[in-house]
Amino acid sequence: MVRAILPLKDLVEAKSRLSGLLRPAERRSLAQAMVEDVLSTLVSHPQISGVTLVSDDPAGALLAYNYGIEHMPESALGARGLNPVIARASRLLCERNEQPIVVLHGDLPCLNGDDISAALKVLEDTNGLVIGCDRHGLGTNLLAFNTINQPEFSFGVDSCARHRVWAEEQGVPVHILRREGIGLDIDEPQDLGLLLSRLVAREQGHCGQLLVASELGSRVRTQLTSMGVLSTMVSNEKLADEGVVIS
């Protein structure tokens, strides 16, 4: 069985790069909707034995309670910054002999169970480090590893390359996993446009309820269209050109 770690930043300050599109309360609502969609996928997956939500956000404890998962306050870890916090949380779980471990972000609203299964299958086959990259092939949205191969966490700019270099230097087998559900994280207006194109006529999950057939969704679509960001549909060919594998 597998343990998942999901770090959650302050929802009030989340998604600041969408400030031109969304008001602060709307950005918080979107961030929470995405986190809840990811948590729903994790807790329903048959190979995930438990989820640890690492967060100091006031909503963290309530989210953990609602989903029946572990809440680990970031302030209790004696570390500051995303990578040190994840490293500390991961070490604590490794000390419990819980393995393998999957670390993933909470802004992956298209994540589904097949994405998790694919990552775990690669991990089982390679016994190394699985890097789920973003749609540009630059960032890291998911890491899967056994406790003996806990990586040096380098989330941030060009983290995919840094995680890969670490693995190669340590002689750890490494696999770059490209999947639509893992690759689409929501940071920029273009990302939100891609998400909206997938949510058309699909009021699925918390993001679907927030953005489909709603006043907020209509306003955002209008703004993105005026910016030349949103097309009515995004073809699979265009997604492939952007480095996203449809599977």
C-alpha atoms as a PDB file:
ATOM      1  CA  MET A   1       0.000   0.000   0.000  1.00  0.00           C
ATOM      2  CA  VAL A   2       0.994   3.615  -0.546  1.00  0.00           C
ATOM      3  CA  ARG A   3       1.014   6.776   1.523  1.00  0.00           C
ATOM      4  CA  ALA A   4       0.328  10.137  -0.124  1.00  0.00           C
ATOM      5  CA  ILE A   5       1.649  13.511   1.025  1.00  0.00           C
ATOM      6  CA  LEU A   6      -0.165  16.634  -0.078  1.00  0.00           C
ATOM      7  CA  PRO A   7       1.268  20.017   0.972  1.00  0.00           C
ATOM      8  CA  LEU A   8      -1.237  22.857   1.121  1.00  0.00           C
ATOM      9  CA  LYS A   9      -0.240  26.511   1.198  1.00  0.00           C
ATOM     10  CA  ASP A  10      -2.293  29.290   2.701  1.00  0.00           C
ATOM     11  CA  LEU A  11      -5.498  29.305   0.667  1.00  0.00           C
ATOM     12  CA  VAL A  12      -5.950  33.046   1.192  1.00  0.00           C
ATOM     13  CA  GLU A  13      -2.706  33.746  -0.680  1.00  0.00           C
ATOM     14  CA  ALA A  14      -3.121  30.968  -3.236  1.00  0.00           C
ATOM     15  CA  LYS A  15      -2.964  31.464  -6.993  1.00  0.00           C
ATOM     16  CA  SER A  16      -1.767  35.058  -6.925  1.00  0.00           C
ATOM     17  CA  ARG A  17      -0.895  34.881 -10.644  1.00  0.00           C
ATOM     18  CA  LEU A  18      -4.617  34.652 -11.349  1.00  0.00           C
ATOM     19  CA  SER A  19      -5.286  37.929  -9.547  1.00  0.00           C
ATOM     20  CA  GLY A  20      -6.118  39.651 -12.841  1.00  0.00           C
ATOM     21  CA  LEU A  21      -8.981  37.205 -13.369  1.00  0.00           C
ATOM     22  CA  LEU A  22     -10.187  36.232  -9.932  1.00  0.00           C
ATOM     23  CA  ARG A  23     -10.916  38.160  -6.772  1.00  0.00           C
ATOM     24  CA  PRO A  24      -9.174  36.968  -3.566  1.00  0.00           C
ATOM     25  CA  ALA A  25     -12.237  35.061  -2.357  1.00  0.00           C
ATOM     26  CA  GLU A  26     -12.606  33.439  -5.781  1.00  0.00           C
ATOM     27  CA  ARG A  27      -8.965  32.377  -5.844  1.00  0.00           C
ATOM     28  CA  ARG A  28      -9.414  30.800  -2.447  1.00  0.00           C
ATOM     29  CA  SER A  29     -12.552  29.003  -3.613  1.00  0.00           C
ATOM     30  CA  LEU A  30     -10.741  27.676  -6.689  1.00  0.00           C
ATOM     31  CA  ALA A  31      -7.729  26.545  -4.664  1.00  0.00           C
ATOM     32  CA  GLN A  32      -9.946  24.704  -2.194  1.00  0.00           C
ATOM     33  CA  ALA A  33     -12.031  23.131  -4.965  1.00  0.00           C
ATOM     34  CA  MET A  34      -8.890  21.781  -6.625  1.00  0.00           C
ATOM     35  CA  VAL A  35      -7.541  20.414  -3.357  1.00  0.00           C
ATOM     36  CA  GLU A  36     -10.832  18.692  -2.644  1.00  0.00           C
ATOM     37  CA  ASP A  37     -10.861  17.112  -6.106  1.00  0.00           C
ATOM     38  CA  VAL A  38      -7.340  15.776  -5.538  1.00  0.00           C
ATOM     39  CA  LEU A  39      -8.251  14.498  -2.068  1.00  0.00           C
ATOM     40  CA  SER A  40     -11.353  12.786  -3.463  1.00  0.00           C
ATOM     41  CA  THR A  41      -9.186  10.975  -6.010  1.00  0.00           C
ATOM     42  CA  LEU A  42      -6.640   9.919  -3.403  1.00  0.00           C
ATOM     43  CA  VAL A  43      -8.995   8.650  -0.713  1.00  0.00           C
ATOM     44  CA  SER A  44     -10.982   6.599  -3.223  1.00  0.00           C
ATOM     45  CA  HIS A  45      -7.936   4.925  -4.771  1.00  0.00           C
ATOM     46  CA  PRO A  46      -7.553   1.275  -3.718  1.00  0.00           C
ATOM     47  CA  GLN A  47      -3.754   1.458  -3.514  1.00  0.00           C
ATOM     48  CA  ILE A  48      -3.623   4.540  -1.291  1.00  0.00           C
ATOM     49  CA  SER A  49      -3.605   3.447   2.343  1.00  0.00           C
ATOM     50  CA  GLY A  50      -3.634   6.963   3.742  1.00  0.00           C
ATOM     51  CA  VAL A  51      -3.149  10.632   2.979  1.00  0.00           C
ATOM     52  CA  THR A  52      -1.202  13.195   4.998  1.00  0.00           C
ATOM     53  CA  LEU A  53      -2.251  16.810   4.456  1.00  0.00           C
ATOM     54  CA  VAL A  54       0.608  19.111   5.454  1.00  0.00           C
ATOM     55  CA  SER A  55      -0.705  22.596   6.091  1.00  0.00           C
ATOM     56  CA  ASP A  56      -0.984  25.490   8.503  1.00  0.00           C
ATOM     57  CA  ASP A  57      -4.024  26.873   6.698  1.00  0.00           C
ATOM     58  CA  PRO A  58      -7.004  27.128   9.069  1.00  0.00           C
ATOM     59  CA  ALA A  59      -8.986  24.971   6.642  1.00  0.00           C
ATOM     60  CA  GLY A  60      -6.408  22.177   6.782  1.00  0.00           C
ATOM     61  CA  ALA A  61      -7.693  20.486   9.912  1.00  0.00           C
ATOM     62  CA  LEU A  62     -11.305  20.644   8.712  1.00  0.00           C
ATOM     63  CA  LEU A  63     -10.407  19.230   5.291  1.00  0.00           C
ATOM     64  CA  ALA A  64      -8.508  16.405   6.957  1.00  0.00           C
ATOM     65  CA  TYR A  65     -11.469  15.648   9.195  1.00  0.00           C
ATOM     66  CA  ASN A  66     -13.949  15.708   6.313  1.00  0.00           C
ATOM     67  CA  TYR A  67     -11.881  13.298   4.234  1.00  0.00           C
ATOM     68  CA  GLY A  68     -10.775  11.071   7.091  1.00  0.00           C
ATOM     69  CA  ILE A  69      -7.075  11.732   6.546  1.00  0.00           C
ATOM     70  CA  GLU A  70      -4.096  12.778   8.659  1.00  0.00           C
ATOM     71  CA  HIS A  71      -3.442  16.467   9.243  1.00  0.00           C
ATOM     72  CA  MET A  72       0.184  17.390   9.869  1.00  0.00           C
ATOM     73  CA  PRO A  73       0.586  21.094  10.790  1.00  0.00           C
ATOM     74  CA  GLU A  74       3.503  22.608   8.918  1.00  0.00           C
ATOM     75  CA  SER A  75       4.491  24.619  11.998  1.00  0.00           C
ATOM     76  CA  ALA A  76       5.022  21.406  13.960  1.00  0.00           C
ATOM     77  CA  LEU A  77       7.676  20.111  11.567  1.00  0.00           C
ATOM     78  CA  GLY A  78      10.479  22.499  12.508  1.00  0.00           C
ATOM     79  CA  ALA A  79      11.080  23.457   8.885  1.00  0.00           C
ATOM     80  CA  ARG A  80      10.331  26.412   6.644  1.00  0.00           C
ATOM     81  CA  GLY A  81       9.794  26.455   2.906  1.00  0.00           C
ATOM     82  CA  LEU A  82       8.107  23.911   0.666  1.00  0.00           C
ATOM     83  CA  ASN A  83      11.030  21.569   0.081  1.00  0.00           C
ATOM     84  CA  PRO A  84      12.270  21.368   3.700  1.00  0.00           C
ATOM     85  CA  VAL A  85       8.688  20.878   4.891  1.00  0.00           C
ATOM     86  CA  ILE A  86       8.054  18.025   2.448  1.00  0.00           C
ATOM     87  CA  ALA A  87      11.420  16.462   3.309  1.00  0.00           C
ATOM     88  CA  ARG A  88      10.596  16.508   7.010  1.00  0.00           C
ATOM     89  CA  ALA A  89       7.102  15.093   6.507  1.00  0.00           C
ATOM     90  CA  SER A  90       8.469  12.393   4.227  1.00  0.00           C
ATOM     91  CA  ARG A  91      11.136  11.393   6.737  1.00  0.00           C
ATOM     92  CA  LEU A  92       8.525  11.077   9.469  1.00  0.00           C
ATOM     93  CA  LEU A  93       6.449   8.782   7.299  1.00  0.00           C
ATOM     94  CA  CYS A  94       9.511   6.772   6.317  1.00  0.00           C
ATOM     95  CA  GLU A  95      10.248   6.248  10.006  1.00  0.00           C
ATOM     96  CA  ARG A  96       6.829   4.603  10.270  1.00  0.00           C
ATOM     97  CA  ASN A  97       7.925   2.194   7.529  1.00  0.00           C
ATOM     98  CA  GLU A  98       5.098   3.343   5.289  1.00  0.00           C
ATOM     99  CA  GLN A  99       6.055   2.838   1.677  1.00  0.00           C
ATOM    100  CA  PRO A 100       5.958   3.679  -1.146  1.00  0.00           C
ATOM    101  CA  ILE A 101       5.249   7.397  -0.912  1.00  0.00           C
ATOM    102  CA  VAL A 102       3.599   9.707  -3.415  1.00  0.00           C
ATOM    103  CA  VAL A 103       4.041  13.466  -3.059  1.00  0.00           C
ATOM    104  CA  LEU A 104       1.771  15.605  -5.184  1.00  0.00           C
ATOM    105  CA  HIS A 105       0.389  19.105  -5.392  1.00  0.00           C
ATOM    106  CA  GLY A 106      -3.184  20.094  -4.688  1.00  0.00           C
ATOM    107  CA  ASP A 107      -3.778  22.110  -7.869  1.00  0.00           C
ATOM    108  CA  LEU A 108      -4.312  19.149 -10.206  1.00  0.00           C
ATOM    109  CA  PRO A 109      -8.065  19.318 -10.876  1.00  0.00           C
ATOM    110  CA  CYS A 110      -7.948  16.833 -13.777  1.00  0.00           C
ATOM    111  CA  LEU A 111      -6.153  14.158 -11.745  1.00  0.00           C
ATOM    112  CA  ASN A 112      -7.925  10.809 -11.748  1.00  0.00           C
ATOM    113  CA  GLY A 113      -7.398   7.335 -10.379  1.00  0.00           C
ATOM    114  CA  ASP A 114      -5.805   6.079 -13.587  1.00  0.00           C
ATOM    115  CA  ASP A 115      -3.080   8.711 -13.223  1.00  0.00           C
ATOM    116  CA  ILE A 116      -2.242   7.449  -9.742  1.00  0.00           C
ATOM    117  CA  SER A 117      -2.317   3.836 -10.928  1.00  0.00           C
ATOM    118  CA  ALA A 118       0.027   4.662 -13.813  1.00  0.00           C
ATOM    119  CA  ALA A 119       2.558   6.301 -11.485  1.00  0.00           C
ATOM    120  CA  LEU A 120       2.460   3.383  -9.059  1.00  0.00           C
ATOM    121  CA  LYS A 121       2.803   0.825 -11.871  1.00  0.00           C
ATOM    122  CA  VAL A 122       5.944   2.559 -13.128  1.00  0.00           C
ATOM    123  CA  LEU A 123       7.289   2.682  -9.573  1.00  0.00           C
ATOM    124  CA  GLU A 124       6.630  -1.025  -9.124  1.00  0.00           C
ATOM    125  CA  ASP A 125       8.369  -1.823 -12.409  1.00  0.00           C
ATOM    126  CA  THR A 126      11.424   0.388 -11.847  1.00  0.00           C
ATOM    127  CA  ASN A 127      11.840   0.591  -8.054  1.00  0.00           C
ATOM    128  CA  GLY A 128      13.243   4.053  -8.590  1.00  0.00           C
ATOM    129  CA  LEU A 129      11.943   7.612  -8.799  1.00  0.00           C
ATOM    130  CA  VAL A 130       8.858   8.506 -10.818  1.00  0.00           C
ATOM    131  CA  ILE A 131       8.598  12.169 -11.790  1.00  0.00           C
ATOM    132  CA  GLY A 132       5.185  13.330 -12.920  1.00  0.00           C
ATOM    133  CA  CYS A 133       6.030  16.476 -14.862  1.00  0.00           C
ATOM    134  CA  ASP A 134       3.882  19.472 -15.706  1.00  0.00           C
ATOM    135  CA  ARG A 135       2.512  19.990 -19.204  1.00  0.00           C
ATOM    136  CA  HIS A 136       5.628  21.937 -20.214  1.00  0.00           C
ATOM    137  CA  GLY A 137       7.996  19.191 -19.072  1.00  0.00           C
ATOM    138  CA  LEU A 138       9.742  21.609 -16.697  1.00  0.00           C
ATOM    139  CA  GLY A 139       8.052  21.443 -13.298  1.00  0.00           C
ATOM    140  CA  THR A 140       7.259  18.497 -11.039  1.00  0.00           C
ATOM    141  CA  ASN A 141       3.668  17.884 -10.001  1.00  0.00           C
ATOM    142  CA  LEU A 142       4.113  14.375  -8.572  1.00  0.00           C
ATOM    143  CA  LEU A 143       6.912  12.264  -7.158  1.00  0.00           C
ATOM    144  CA  ALA A 144       6.609   8.566  -6.345  1.00  0.00           C
ATOM    145  CA  PHE A 145       9.364   6.630  -4.595  1.00  0.00           C
ATOM    146  CA  ASN A 146      10.145   3.891  -2.107  1.00  0.00           C
ATOM    147  CA  THR A 147      11.528   4.926   1.263  1.00  0.00           C
ATOM    148  CA  ILE A 148      15.023   3.700   0.368  1.00  0.00           C
ATOM    149  CA  ASN A 149      15.070   6.196  -2.507  1.00  0.00           C
ATOM    150  CA  GLN A 150      13.694   9.307  -0.821  1.00  0.00           C
ATOM    151  CA  PRO A 151      14.851  12.095  -3.130  1.00  0.00           C
ATOM    152  CA  GLU A 152      16.297  15.493  -2.479  1.00  0.00           C
ATOM    153  CA  PHE A 153      13.169  17.563  -2.981  1.00  0.00           C
ATOM    154  CA  SER A 154      13.626  20.427  -5.429  1.00  0.00           C
ATOM    155  CA  PHE A 155      10.118  21.645  -6.200  1.00  0.00           C
ATOM    156  CA  GLY A 156      10.195  24.979  -7.989  1.00  0.00           C
ATOM    157  CA  VAL A 157      11.572  26.293 -11.285  1.00  0.00           C
ATOM    158  CA  ASP A 158      12.983  23.514 -13.510  1.00  0.00           C
ATOM    159  CA  SER A 159      12.353  20.969 -10.762  1.00  0.00           C
ATOM    160  CA  CYS A 160      11.838  18.113 -13.212  1.00  0.00           C
ATOM    161  CA  ALA A 161      15.428  18.404 -14.423  1.00  0.00           C
ATOM    162  CA  ARG A 162      16.783  18.802 -10.890  1.00  0.00           C
ATOM    163  CA  HIS A 163      14.938  15.730  -9.628  1.00  0.00           C
ATOM    164  CA  ARG A 164      16.174  13.769 -12.626  1.00  0.00           C
ATOM    165  CA  VAL A 165      19.784  14.849 -12.093  1.00  0.00           C
ATOM    166  CA  TRP A 166      19.590  13.841  -8.422  1.00  0.00           C
ATOM    167  CA  ALA A 167      18.355  10.381  -9.367  1.00  0.00           C
ATOM    168  CA  GLU A 168      21.023   9.897 -12.016  1.00  0.00           C
ATOM    169  CA  GLU A 169      23.780  11.027  -9.657  1.00  0.00           C
ATOM    170  CA  GLN A 170      22.548   8.610  -7.001  1.00  0.00           C
ATOM    171  CA  GLY A 171      22.217   5.739  -9.449  1.00  0.00           C
ATOM    172  CA  VAL A 172      18.465   5.582  -8.865  1.00  0.00           C
ATOM    173  CA  PRO A 173      16.342   4.526 -11.866  1.00  0.00           C
ATOM    174  CA  VAL A 174      14.251   7.488 -12.968  1.00  0.00           C
ATOM    175  CA  HIS A 175      11.172   7.729 -15.164  1.00  0.00           C
ATOM    176  CA  ILE A 176       9.486  10.892 -16.419  1.00  0.00           C
ATOM    177  CA  LEU A 177       5.731  10.367 -16.495  1.00  0.00           C
ATOM    178  CA  ARG A 178       3.596  12.547 -18.768  1.00  0.00           C
ATOM    179  CA  ARG A 179      -0.156  12.398 -18.262  1.00  0.00           C
ATOM    180  CA  GLU A 180      -2.836  15.007 -18.769  1.00  0.00           C
ATOM    181  CA  GLY A 181      -4.242  14.646 -15.257  1.00  0.00           C
ATOM    182  CA  ILE A 182      -0.814  15.105 -13.696  1.00  0.00           C
ATOM    183  CA  GLY A 183       0.482  17.670 -16.149  1.00  0.00           C
ATOM    184  CA  LEU A 184      -2.202  20.335 -15.838  1.00  0.00           C
ATOM    185  CA  ASP A 185      -1.536  22.391 -12.737  1.00  0.00           C
ATOM    186  CA  ILE A 186      -3.302  25.734 -12.481  1.00  0.00           C
ATOM    187  CA  ASP A 187      -1.065  28.771 -12.083  1.00  0.00           C
ATOM    188  CA  GLU A 188      -1.493  31.025 -15.117  1.00  0.00           C
ATOM    189  CA  PRO A 189      -4.534  32.236 -17.111  1.00  0.00           C
ATOM    190  CA  GLN A 190      -3.559  29.816 -19.899  1.00  0.00           C
ATOM    191  CA  ASP A 191      -3.795  26.917 -17.443  1.00  0.00           C
ATOM    192  CA  LEU A 192      -7.232  28.045 -16.338  1.00  0.00           C
ATOM    193  CA  GLY A 193      -8.291  28.257 -19.976  1.00  0.00           C
ATOM    194  CA  LEU A 194      -7.232  24.648 -20.550  1.00  0.00           C
ATOM    195  CA  LEU A 195      -9.100  23.564 -17.435  1.00  0.00           C
ATOM    196  CA  LEU A 196     -12.270  25.328 -18.568  1.00  0.00           C
ATOM    197  CA  SER A 197     -12.057  23.621 -21.958  1.00  0.00           C
ATOM    198  CA  ARG A 198     -12.067  20.246 -20.196  1.00  0.00           C
ATOM    199  CA  LEU A 199     -14.935  21.182 -17.917  1.00  0.00           C
ATOM    200  CA  VAL A 200     -17.295  22.166 -20.735  1.00  0.00           C
ATOM    201  CA  ALA A 201     -20.656  20.476 -20.070  1.00  0.00           C
ATOM    202  CA  ARG A 202     -19.085  18.431 -17.267  1.00  0.00           C
ATOM    203  CA  GLU A 203     -20.174  19.588 -13.839  1.00  0.00           C
ATOM    204  CA  GLN A 204     -17.897  17.006 -12.254  1.00  0.00           C
ATOM    205  CA  GLY A 205     -16.134  17.427  -8.965  1.00  0.00           C
ATOM    206  CA  HIS A 206     -15.729  20.563  -6.954  1.00  0.00           C
ATOM    207  CA  CYS A 207     -14.069  22.494  -9.798  1.00  0.00           C
ATOM    208  CA  GLY A 208     -16.875  21.593 -12.159  1.00  0.00           C
ATOM    209  CA  GLN A 209     -19.466  22.791  -9.668  1.00  0.00           C
ATOM    210  CA  LEU A 210     -17.544  26.032  -9.210  1.00  0.00           C
ATOM    211  CA  LEU A 211     -16.816  26.853 -12.848  1.00  0.00           C
ATOM    212  CA  VAL A 212     -19.440  25.177 -15.052  1.00  0.00           C
ATOM    213  CA  ALA A 213     -22.836  26.840 -15.579  1.00  0.00           C
ATOM    214  CA  SER A 214     -22.017  29.483 -12.971  1.00  0.00           C
ATOM    215  CA  GLU A 215     -21.746  33.249 -13.011  1.00  0.00           C
ATOM    216  CA  LEU A 216     -18.072  32.971 -12.071  1.00  0.00           C
ATOM    217  CA  GLY A 217     -17.351  30.530 -14.879  1.00  0.00           C
ATOM    218  CA  SER A 218     -19.161  32.682 -17.418  1.00  0.00           C
ATOM    219  CA  ARG A 219     -17.247  35.790 -16.389  1.00  0.00           C
ATOM    220  CA  VAL A 220     -13.880  34.032 -16.490  1.00  0.00           C
ATOM    221  CA  ARG A 221     -14.618  32.553 -19.908  1.00  0.00           C
ATOM    222  CA  THR A 222     -15.495  36.004 -21.240  1.00  0.00           C
ATOM    223  CA  GLN A 223     -12.296  37.493 -19.843  1.00  0.00           C
ATOM    224  CA  LEU A 224     -10.104  34.699 -21.171  1.00  0.00           C
ATOM    225  CA  THR A 225     -11.729  34.904 -24.588  1.00  0.00           C
ATOM    226  CA  SER A 226     -11.081  38.634 -24.741  1.00  0.00           C
ATOM    227  CA  MET A 227      -7.453  37.933 -23.845  1.00  0.00           C
ATOM    228  CA  GLY A 228      -7.217  35.398 -26.674  1.00  0.00           C
ATOM    229  CA  VAL A 229      -6.501  32.632 -24.182  1.00  0.00           C
ATOM    230  CA  LEU A 230      -9.594  30.481 -24.287  1.00  0.00           C
ATOM    231  CA  SER A 231     -10.716  28.550 -27.330  1.00  0.00           C
ATOM    232  CA  THR A 232     -13.985  26.690 -27.317  1.00  0.00           C
ATOM    233  CA  MET A 233     -12.240  23.346 -27.572  1.00  0.00           C
ATOM    234  CA  VAL A 234      -8.615  22.240 -27.291  1.00  0.00           C
ATOM    235  CA  SER A 235      -7.796  19.379 -29.646  1.00  0.00           C
ATOM    236  CA  ASN A 236      -5.760  16.381 -28.607  1.00  0.00           C
ATOM    237  CA  GLU A 237      -3.249  17.334 -31.288  1.00  0.00           C
ATOM    238  CA  LYS A 238      -2.675  20.723 -29.680  1.00  0.00           C
ATOM    239  CA  LEU A 239      -2.281  19.127 -26.269  1.00  0.00           C
ATOM    240  CA  ALA A 240       0.294  16.728 -27.679  1.00  0.00           C
ATOM    241  CA  ASP A 241       2.167  19.668 -29.213  1.00  0.00           C
ATOM    242  CA  GLU A 242       2.326  21.198 -25.738  1.00  0.00           C
ATOM    243  CA  GLY A 243       3.912  18.040 -24.367  1.00  0.00           C
ATOM    244  CA  VAL A 244       0.849  16.520 -22.744  1.00  0.00           C
ATOM    245  CA  VAL A 245       0.241  12.830 -23.231  1.00  0.00           C
ATOM    246  CA  ILE A 246      -3.417  11.895 -23.582  1.00  0.00           C
ATOM    247  CA  SER A 247      -3.951   8.565 -21.853  1.00  0.00           C
END
